[in-house]
C-alpha atoms as a PDB file:
ATOM      1  CA  MET A   1     -58.929-167.626-187.119  1.00  0.00           C
ATOM      2  CA  PRO A   2     -59.021-168.869-183.525  1.00  0.00           C
ATOM      3  CA  ARG A   3     -61.697-167.852-181.148  1.00  0.00           C
ATOM      4  CA  PRO A   4     -60.855-165.040-178.758  1.00  0.00           C
ATOM      5  CA  THR A   5     -59.954-166.088-175.155  1.00  0.00           C
ATOM      6  CA  ALA A   6     -61.741-164.777-172.030  1.00  0.00           C
ATOM      7  CA  ALA A   7     -58.751-162.448-171.351  1.00  0.00           C
ATOM      8  CA  GLN A   8     -58.973-160.971-174.764  1.00  0.00           C
ATOM      9  CA  LEU A   9     -62.695-160.336-174.471  1.00  0.00           C
ATOM     10  CA  ALA A  10     -62.282-158.741-171.020  1.00  0.00           C
ATOM     11  CA  TYR A  11     -59.357-156.544-171.949  1.00  0.00           C
ATOM     12  CA  GLY A  12     -61.006-155.351-175.165  1.00  0.00           C
ATOM     13  CA  SER A  13     -64.275-154.669-173.470  1.00  0.00           C
ATOM     14  CA  CYS A  14     -62.724-152.759-170.553  1.00  0.00           C
ATOM     15  CA  THR A  15     -60.670-150.723-173.055  1.00  0.00           C
ATOM     16  CA  VAL A  16     -63.706-149.723-175.077  1.00  0.00           C
ATOM     17  CA  ILE A  17     -65.698-148.720-172.104  1.00  0.00           C
ATOM     18  CA  PHE A  18     -62.963-146.792-170.232  1.00  0.00           C
ATOM     19  CA  SER A  19     -61.605-145.085-173.295  1.00  0.00           C
ATOM     20  CA  THR A  20     -64.970-143.996-174.479  1.00  0.00           C
ATOM     21  CA  LEU A  21     -65.784-142.501-170.995  1.00  0.00           C
ATOM     22  CA  ALA A  22     -62.386-140.763-170.889  1.00  0.00           C
ATOM     23  CA  MET A  23     -62.653-139.262-174.374  1.00  0.00           C
ATOM     24  CA  LEU A  24     -66.133-138.112-173.856  1.00  0.00           C
ATOM     25  CA  LEU A  25     -65.251-136.411-170.572  1.00  0.00           C
ATOM     26  CA  LEU A  26     -62.080-134.800-171.912  1.00  0.00           C
ATOM     27  CA  SER A  27     -63.538-133.624-175.142  1.00  0.00           C
ATOM     28  CA  GLN A  28     -66.855-132.357-173.710  1.00  0.00           C
ATOM     29  CA  THR A  29     -68.515-132.918-177.074  1.00  0.00           C
ATOM     30  CA  SER A  30     -72.258-132.862-177.323  1.00  0.00           C
ATOM     31  CA  SER A  31     -72.619-133.238-181.193  1.00  0.00           C
ATOM     32  CA  GLY A  32     -73.722-136.565-182.733  1.00  0.00           C
ATOM     33  CA  VAL A  33     -70.719-136.504-185.065  1.00  0.00           C
ATOM     34  CA  GLY A  34     -68.178-136.060-182.196  1.00  0.00           C
ATOM     35  CA  ILE A  35     -69.746-138.929-180.170  1.00  0.00           C
ATOM     36  CA  ALA A  36     -69.757-141.123-183.277  1.00  0.00           C
ATOM     37  CA  VAL A  37     -66.109-140.425-183.914  1.00  0.00           C
ATOM     38  CA  ILE A  38     -65.240-141.153-180.246  1.00  0.00           C
ATOM     39  CA  ALA A  39     -67.219-144.377-180.282  1.00  0.00           C
ATOM     40  CA  VAL A  40     -65.416-145.662-183.417  1.00  0.00           C
ATOM     41  CA  ALA A  41     -62.072-144.704-182.066  1.00  0.00           C
ATOM     42  CA  ALA A  42     -62.778-146.506-178.783  1.00  0.00           C
ATOM     43  CA  LEU A  43     -63.985-149.637-180.710  1.00  0.00           C
ATOM     44  CA  LEU A  44     -60.758-149.633-182.780  1.00  0.00           C
ATOM     45  CA  LEU A  45     -58.617-149.147-179.678  1.00  0.00           C
ATOM     46  CA  GLY A  46     -60.445-152.058-178.015  1.00  0.00           C
ATOM     47  CA  LEU A  47     -59.898-154.221-181.015  1.00  0.00           C
ATOM     48  CA  LEU A  48     -56.105-153.381-180.981  1.00  0.00           C
ATOM     49  CA  VAL A  49     -55.788-154.219-177.364  1.00  0.00           C
ATOM     50  CA  ALA A  50     -57.804-157.556-177.727  1.00  0.00           C
ATOM     51  CA  LEU A  51     -55.630-158.626-180.622  1.00  0.00           C
ATOM     52  CA  THR A  52     -52.373-157.826-178.899  1.00  0.00           C
ATOM     53  CA  VAL A  53     -53.083-159.948-175.753  1.00  0.00           C
ATOM     54  CA  PRO A  54     -50.874-162.962-176.120  1.00  0.00           C
ATOM     55  CA  MET A  55     -52.590-166.204-177.074  1.00  0.00           C
ATOM     56  CA  PRO A  56     -51.989-169.284-174.833  1.00  0.00           C
ATOM     57  CA  LYS A  57     -49.288-171.541-176.141  1.00  0.00           C
ATOM     58  CA  ARG A  58     -50.285-174.853-177.560  1.00  0.00           C
ATOM     59  CA  ALA A  59     -49.020-178.026-175.877  1.00  0.00           C
ATOM     60  CA  ARG A  60     -46.131-179.554-177.722  1.00  0.00           C
ATOM     61  CA  VAL A  61     -46.251-183.306-178.491  1.00  0.00           C
ATOM     62  CA  VAL A  62     -42.963-184.918-177.748  1.00  0.00           C
ATOM     63  CA  ALA A  63     -42.162-188.138-179.452  1.00  0.00           C
ATOM     64  CA  MET A  64     -40.849-190.922-177.236  1.00  0.00           C
ATOM     65  CA  ARG A  65     -38.011-192.903-178.809  1.00  0.00           C
ATOM     66  CA  LYS A  66     -36.850-196.347-177.772  1.00  0.00           C
ATOM     67  CA  PRO A  67     -33.249-196.767-176.683  1.00  0.00           C
ATOM     68  CA  VAL A  68     -30.942-197.637-179.516  1.00  0.00           C
ATOM     69  CA  GLY A  69     -30.458-201.393-178.566  1.00  0.00           C
ATOM     70  CA  ALA A  70     -34.043-202.087-177.270  1.00  0.00           C
ATOM     71  CA  ASP A  71     -35.246-204.037-180.256  1.00  0.00           C
ATOM     72  CA  ARG A  72     -32.084-206.146-180.411  1.00  0.00           C
ATOM     73  CA  GLU A  73     -32.266-206.952-176.745  1.00  0.00           C
ATOM     74  CA  GLN A  74     -35.921-208.111-177.065  1.00  0.00           C
ATOM     75  CA  THR A  75     -35.046-210.460-180.002  1.00  0.00           C
ATOM     76  CA  GLU A  76     -32.001-211.869-178.116  1.00  0.00           C
ATOM     77  CA  GLU A  77     -34.193-212.527-175.029  1.00  0.00           C
ATOM     78  CA  ALA A  78     -36.819-214.315-177.231  1.00  0.00           C
ATOM     79  CA  VAL A  79     -34.119-216.454-178.851  1.00  0.00           C
ATOM     80  CA  LEU A  80     -32.694-217.414-175.428  1.00  0.00           C
ATOM     81  CA  THR A  81     -36.000-218.313-173.896  1.00  0.00           C
ATOM     82  CA  GLN A  82     -36.865-220.520-176.882  1.00  0.00           C
ATOM     83  CA  SER A  83     -33.628-222.431-176.582  1.00  0.00           C
END
């Protein structure tokens, strides 16, 4: 599995922090179980966001081909210079 990019780490971390704060403020929970459930949900949401950030595309290697008659022209030139 490839290493996460900086964008994936940033988006995932921000998602965890902001979603945890939002859920804690909206639910107004004070129990340990409620806080644990919110923390786990925020971590899963952050992981989902980090994994859906598009990965950078790999550079494609393009093979260079010689023109069709290139080898023949070089051998003809070599024969003409030897003559």
